[in-house]
Amino acid sequence: MKDIETITYTEGELPSLAKSLLEKYGKDKVWAFDAPMGAGKTTLIKELCHTLGVEETTSSPTFAIINVYQSPVGEVYHFDCYRFETLADAYNIGTEEYLDSGSYCFVEWPDVIAPILPDDTLWIKIEIIDGMTRRLTVRQA
C-alpha cells in the first residue's frame, strides 16, 4: 500500500477536509478507516455524509453494524466492523453485496473484512496527535 497524501487537521476543519477528500477521491466508493478508538473515525464519516447531502442524523453503527443513509448521490452505507470476530460475520450480513453496490461504503474497523474489500479501496489512517489535532493519511493499494 502506498501513501498518497497526509493531512493534519482539527475538528473545526472537518467540513473543508470532507469536501476536499470527496473532490479528490470521490470516484473511490469504498473507504476503510483505520484508527484507534476515539480518533474520530465516526466524526469524519458524519461530515463526509453531510457533505454528500445526507440530511438525516448520522451515528456510529456499533450495535446495528451497518447504517444506511439516503443522499442525492444514492445510498450511503456506514459499517462498523468492531464486533466482527471472523470474516464469516461479514458474509452473514451480505457485506459483499454492499461493497459491490457502487454506492459509498464507509467502513470502520476494516481489518477483519480486508480480504473482501475491493482492490481500489481507499484507506484512511487517522492518528491522534493531541486532544485537538489528528493526522490523516490516504493510502491505496
C-alpha atoms as a PDB file:
ATOM      1  CA  MET A   1       0.000   0.000   0.000  1.00  0.00           C
ATOM      2  CA  LYS A   2       1.325   3.450  -0.814  1.00  0.00           C
ATOM      3  CA  ASP A   3       0.694   6.737   0.943  1.00  0.00           C
ATOM      4  CA  ILE A   4      -0.911   9.281  -1.361  1.00  0.00           C
ATOM      5  CA  GLU A   5      -1.430  12.233   0.946  1.00  0.00           C
ATOM      6  CA  THR A   6      -1.005  13.208   4.595  1.00  0.00           C
ATOM      7  CA  ILE A   7      -3.077  15.981   6.199  1.00  0.00           C
ATOM      8  CA  THR A   8      -3.026  17.381   9.727  1.00  0.00           C
ATOM      9  CA  TYR A   9      -6.375  18.796  10.876  1.00  0.00           C
ATOM     10  CA  THR A  10      -8.552  19.813  13.809  1.00  0.00           C
ATOM     11  CA  GLU A  11     -12.266  19.171  14.327  1.00  0.00           C
ATOM     12  CA  GLY A  12     -13.100  22.696  13.167  1.00  0.00           C
ATOM     13  CA  GLU A  13     -11.525  21.909   9.802  1.00  0.00           C
ATOM     14  CA  LEU A  14     -13.664  18.809   9.185  1.00  0.00           C
ATOM     15  CA  PRO A  15     -16.145  20.457   6.772  1.00  0.00           C
ATOM     16  CA  SER A  16     -13.374  21.621   4.432  1.00  0.00           C
ATOM     17  CA  LEU A  17     -11.476  18.341   4.877  1.00  0.00           C
ATOM     18  CA  ALA A  18     -14.525  16.240   3.947  1.00  0.00           C
ATOM     19  CA  LYS A  19     -15.197  18.407   0.900  1.00  0.00           C
ATOM     20  CA  SER A  20     -11.571  18.162  -0.209  1.00  0.00           C
ATOM     21  CA  LEU A  21     -11.418  14.386   0.264  1.00  0.00           C
ATOM     22  CA  LEU A  22     -14.610  13.838  -1.732  1.00  0.00           C
ATOM     23  CA  GLU A  23     -13.396  16.137  -4.510  1.00  0.00           C
ATOM     24  CA  LYS A  24     -10.075  14.291  -4.761  1.00  0.00           C
ATOM     25  CA  TYR A  25     -11.123  10.711  -4.060  1.00  0.00           C
ATOM     26  CA  GLY A  26     -14.877  10.630  -4.639  1.00  0.00           C
ATOM     27  CA  LYS A  27     -14.541   8.201  -7.541  1.00  0.00           C
ATOM     28  CA  ASP A  28     -13.471   5.584  -4.986  1.00  0.00           C
ATOM     29  CA  LYS A  29     -16.647   4.238  -3.413  1.00  0.00           C
ATOM     30  CA  VAL A  30     -15.257   2.020  -0.625  1.00  0.00           C
ATOM     31  CA  TRP A  31     -13.328   3.821   2.119  1.00  0.00           C
ATOM     32  CA  ALA A  32     -11.734   1.897   5.011  1.00  0.00           C
ATOM     33  CA  PHE A  33     -10.983   3.877   8.181  1.00  0.00           C
ATOM     34  CA  ASP A  34      -8.051   2.612  10.244  1.00  0.00           C
ATOM     35  CA  ALA A  35      -7.672   4.379  13.580  1.00  0.00           C
ATOM     36  CA  PRO A  36      -7.635   3.722  17.313  1.00  0.00           C
ATOM     37  CA  MET A  37     -10.734   4.122  19.471  1.00  0.00           C
ATOM     38  CA  GLY A  38     -11.581   7.786  19.935  1.00  0.00           C
ATOM     39  CA  ALA A  39      -9.518   9.047  16.988  1.00  0.00           C
ATOM     40  CA  GLY A  40     -12.521  10.457  15.144  1.00  0.00           C
ATOM     41  CA  LYS A  41     -13.497   7.853  12.548  1.00  0.00           C
ATOM     42  CA  THR A  42     -17.222   8.312  13.121  1.00  0.00           C
ATOM     43  CA  THR A  43     -16.894  12.094  13.351  1.00  0.00           C
ATOM     44  CA  LEU A  44     -15.164  12.251   9.961  1.00  0.00           C
ATOM     45  CA  ILE A  45     -17.679   9.855   8.404  1.00  0.00           C
ATOM     46  CA  LYS A  46     -20.545  12.000   9.714  1.00  0.00           C
ATOM     47  CA  GLU A  47     -19.000  15.005   7.967  1.00  0.00           C
ATOM     48  CA  LEU A  48     -18.473  13.042   4.743  1.00  0.00           C
ATOM     49  CA  CYS A  49     -22.145  12.002   4.836  1.00  0.00           C
ATOM     50  CA  HIS A  50     -23.216  15.600   5.448  1.00  0.00           C
ATOM     51  CA  THR A  51     -21.073  16.743   2.511  1.00  0.00           C
ATOM     52  CA  LEU A  52     -22.730  14.086   0.319  1.00  0.00           C
ATOM     53  CA  GLY A  53     -26.096  15.599   1.218  1.00  0.00           C
ATOM     54  CA  VAL A  54     -27.301  13.141   3.859  1.00  0.00           C
ATOM     55  CA  GLU A  55     -29.906  15.078   5.843  1.00  0.00           C
ATOM     56  CA  GLU A  56     -30.793  12.512   8.485  1.00  0.00           C
ATOM     57  CA  THR A  57     -28.886  12.172  11.736  1.00  0.00           C
ATOM     58  CA  THR A  58     -25.807  10.001  11.328  1.00  0.00           C
ATOM     59  CA  SER A  59     -24.369   7.916  14.134  1.00  0.00           C
ATOM     60  CA  SER A  60     -21.970   5.087  14.799  1.00  0.00           C
ATOM     61  CA  PRO A  61     -23.442   1.746  13.751  1.00  0.00           C
ATOM     62  CA  THR A  62     -21.599  -0.123  16.512  1.00  0.00           C
ATOM     63  CA  PHE A  63     -24.616  -2.198  17.507  1.00  0.00           C
ATOM     64  CA  ALA A  64     -26.511  -2.131  14.209  1.00  0.00           C
ATOM     65  CA  ILE A  65     -23.240  -2.931  12.339  1.00  0.00           C
ATOM     66  CA  ILE A  66     -24.492  -1.026   9.292  1.00  0.00           C
ATOM     67  CA  ASN A  67     -26.413   2.205   8.902  1.00  0.00           C
ATOM     68  CA  VAL A  68     -27.955   3.116   5.557  1.00  0.00           C
ATOM     69  CA  TYR A  69     -28.423   6.776   4.669  1.00  0.00           C
ATOM     70  CA  GLN A  70     -30.154   8.397   1.706  1.00  0.00           C
ATOM     71  CA  SER A  71     -28.362  11.137  -0.213  1.00  0.00           C
ATOM     72  CA  PRO A  72     -28.705  12.898  -3.568  1.00  0.00           C
ATOM     73  CA  VAL A  73     -25.936  10.599  -4.888  1.00  0.00           C
ATOM     74  CA  GLY A  74     -27.740   7.444  -3.723  1.00  0.00           C
ATOM     75  CA  GLU A  75     -27.500   5.265  -0.666  1.00  0.00           C
ATOM     76  CA  VAL A  76     -24.514   5.627   1.645  1.00  0.00           C
ATOM     77  CA  TYR A  77     -23.506   2.634   3.778  1.00  0.00           C
ATOM     78  CA  HIS A  78     -21.675   3.118   7.074  1.00  0.00           C
ATOM     79  CA  PHE A  79     -20.205  -0.066   8.565  1.00  0.00           C
ATOM     80  CA  ASP A  80     -18.725  -0.639  11.999  1.00  0.00           C
ATOM     81  CA  CYS A  81     -16.947  -3.996  11.940  1.00  0.00           C
ATOM     82  CA  TYR A  82     -15.615  -3.735  15.500  1.00  0.00           C
ATOM     83  CA  ARG A  83     -17.772  -6.623  16.696  1.00  0.00           C
ATOM     84  CA  PHE A  84     -16.875  -8.958  13.814  1.00  0.00           C
ATOM     85  CA  GLU A  85     -14.800 -11.848  15.069  1.00  0.00           C
ATOM     86  CA  THR A  86     -14.342 -13.614  11.735  1.00  0.00           C
ATOM     87  CA  LEU A  87     -14.903 -12.965   8.061  1.00  0.00           C
ATOM     88  CA  ALA A  88     -17.976 -15.210   8.310  1.00  0.00           C
ATOM     89  CA  ASP A  89     -19.661 -12.465  10.346  1.00  0.00           C
ATOM     90  CA  ALA A  90     -19.332 -10.166   7.331  1.00  0.00           C
ATOM     91  CA  TYR A  91     -20.653 -12.786   4.921  1.00  0.00           C
ATOM     92  CA  ASN A  92     -23.657 -13.418   7.180  1.00  0.00           C
ATOM     93  CA  ILE A  93     -24.962  -9.856   6.735  1.00  0.00           C
ATOM     94  CA  GLY A  94     -24.257  -9.699   3.000  1.00  0.00           C
ATOM     95  CA  THR A  95     -21.334  -7.295   3.234  1.00  0.00           C
ATOM     96  CA  GLU A  96     -20.065  -8.170  -0.246  1.00  0.00           C
ATOM     97  CA  GLU A  97     -23.331  -7.041  -1.833  1.00  0.00           C
ATOM     98  CA  TYR A  98     -22.998  -3.636  -0.200  1.00  0.00           C
ATOM     99  CA  LEU A  99     -19.333  -3.340  -1.201  1.00  0.00           C
ATOM    100  CA  ASP A 100     -20.169  -4.240  -4.811  1.00  0.00           C
ATOM    101  CA  SER A 101     -23.205  -1.928  -4.998  1.00  0.00           C
ATOM    102  CA  GLY A 102     -21.401   1.091  -6.457  1.00  0.00           C
ATOM    103  CA  SER A 103     -22.627   3.176  -3.524  1.00  0.00           C
ATOM    104  CA  TYR A 104     -20.378   4.850  -0.995  1.00  0.00           C
ATOM    105  CA  CYS A 105     -19.332   2.422   1.745  1.00  0.00           C
ATOM    106  CA  PHE A 106     -17.532   3.872   4.754  1.00  0.00           C
ATOM    107  CA  VAL A 107     -16.021   1.070   6.854  1.00  0.00           C
ATOM    108  CA  GLU A 108     -14.785   1.471  10.427  1.00  0.00           C
ATOM    109  CA  TRP A 109     -12.548  -1.262  11.905  1.00  0.00           C
ATOM    110  CA  PRO A 110     -11.938  -2.866   8.466  1.00  0.00           C
ATOM    111  CA  ASP A 111      -9.215  -5.371   9.383  1.00  0.00           C
ATOM    112  CA  VAL A 112     -11.480  -8.425   9.650  1.00  0.00           C
ATOM    113  CA  ILE A 113     -13.109  -7.770   6.272  1.00  0.00           C
ATOM    114  CA  ALA A 114      -9.918  -6.661   4.480  1.00  0.00           C
ATOM    115  CA  PRO A 115      -9.830  -9.883   2.394  1.00  0.00           C
ATOM    116  CA  ILE A 116     -13.148  -8.981   0.729  1.00  0.00           C
ATOM    117  CA  LEU A 117     -12.573  -5.257   0.286  1.00  0.00           C
ATOM    118  CA  PRO A 118     -12.203  -4.236  -3.379  1.00  0.00           C
ATOM    119  CA  ASP A 119      -8.684  -3.683  -4.702  1.00  0.00           C
ATOM    120  CA  ASP A 120      -9.439   0.010  -5.220  1.00  0.00           C
ATOM    121  CA  THR A 121     -10.473   0.596  -1.592  1.00  0.00           C
ATOM    122  CA  LEU A 122      -9.318   3.962  -0.285  1.00  0.00           C
ATOM    123  CA  TRP A 123      -7.650   3.536   3.111  1.00  0.00           C
ATOM    124  CA  ILE A 124      -7.844   6.423   5.569  1.00  0.00           C
ATOM    125  CA  LYS A 125      -5.482   6.150   8.531  1.00  0.00           C
ATOM    126  CA  ILE A 126      -6.139   8.569  11.394  1.00  0.00           C
ATOM    127  CA  GLU A 127      -3.566   9.164  14.124  1.00  0.00           C
ATOM    128  CA  ILE A 128      -4.101  11.160  17.306  1.00  0.00           C
ATOM    129  CA  ILE A 129      -1.536  13.972  17.573  1.00  0.00           C
ATOM    130  CA  ASP A 130      -3.065  15.584  20.671  1.00  0.00           C
ATOM    131  CA  GLY A 131      -6.508  16.276  22.130  1.00  0.00           C
ATOM    132  CA  MET A 132      -7.450  18.571  19.250  1.00  0.00           C
ATOM    133  CA  THR A 133      -5.268  17.512  16.318  1.00  0.00           C
ATOM    134  CA  ARG A 134      -5.290  14.469  14.045  1.00  0.00           C
ATOM    135  CA  ARG A 135      -3.094  13.285  11.200  1.00  0.00           C
ATOM    136  CA  LEU A 136      -4.883  11.649   8.291  1.00  0.00           C
ATOM    137  CA  THR A 137      -3.025   9.556   5.733  1.00  0.00           C
ATOM    138  CA  VAL A 138      -4.714   8.492   2.496  1.00  0.00           C
ATOM    139  CA  ARG A 139      -3.483   5.148   1.135  1.00  0.00           C
ATOM    140  CA  GLN A 140      -4.229   2.920  -1.821  1.00  0.00           C
ATOM    141  CA  ALA A 141      -3.019  -0.497  -2.888  1.00  0.00           C
END
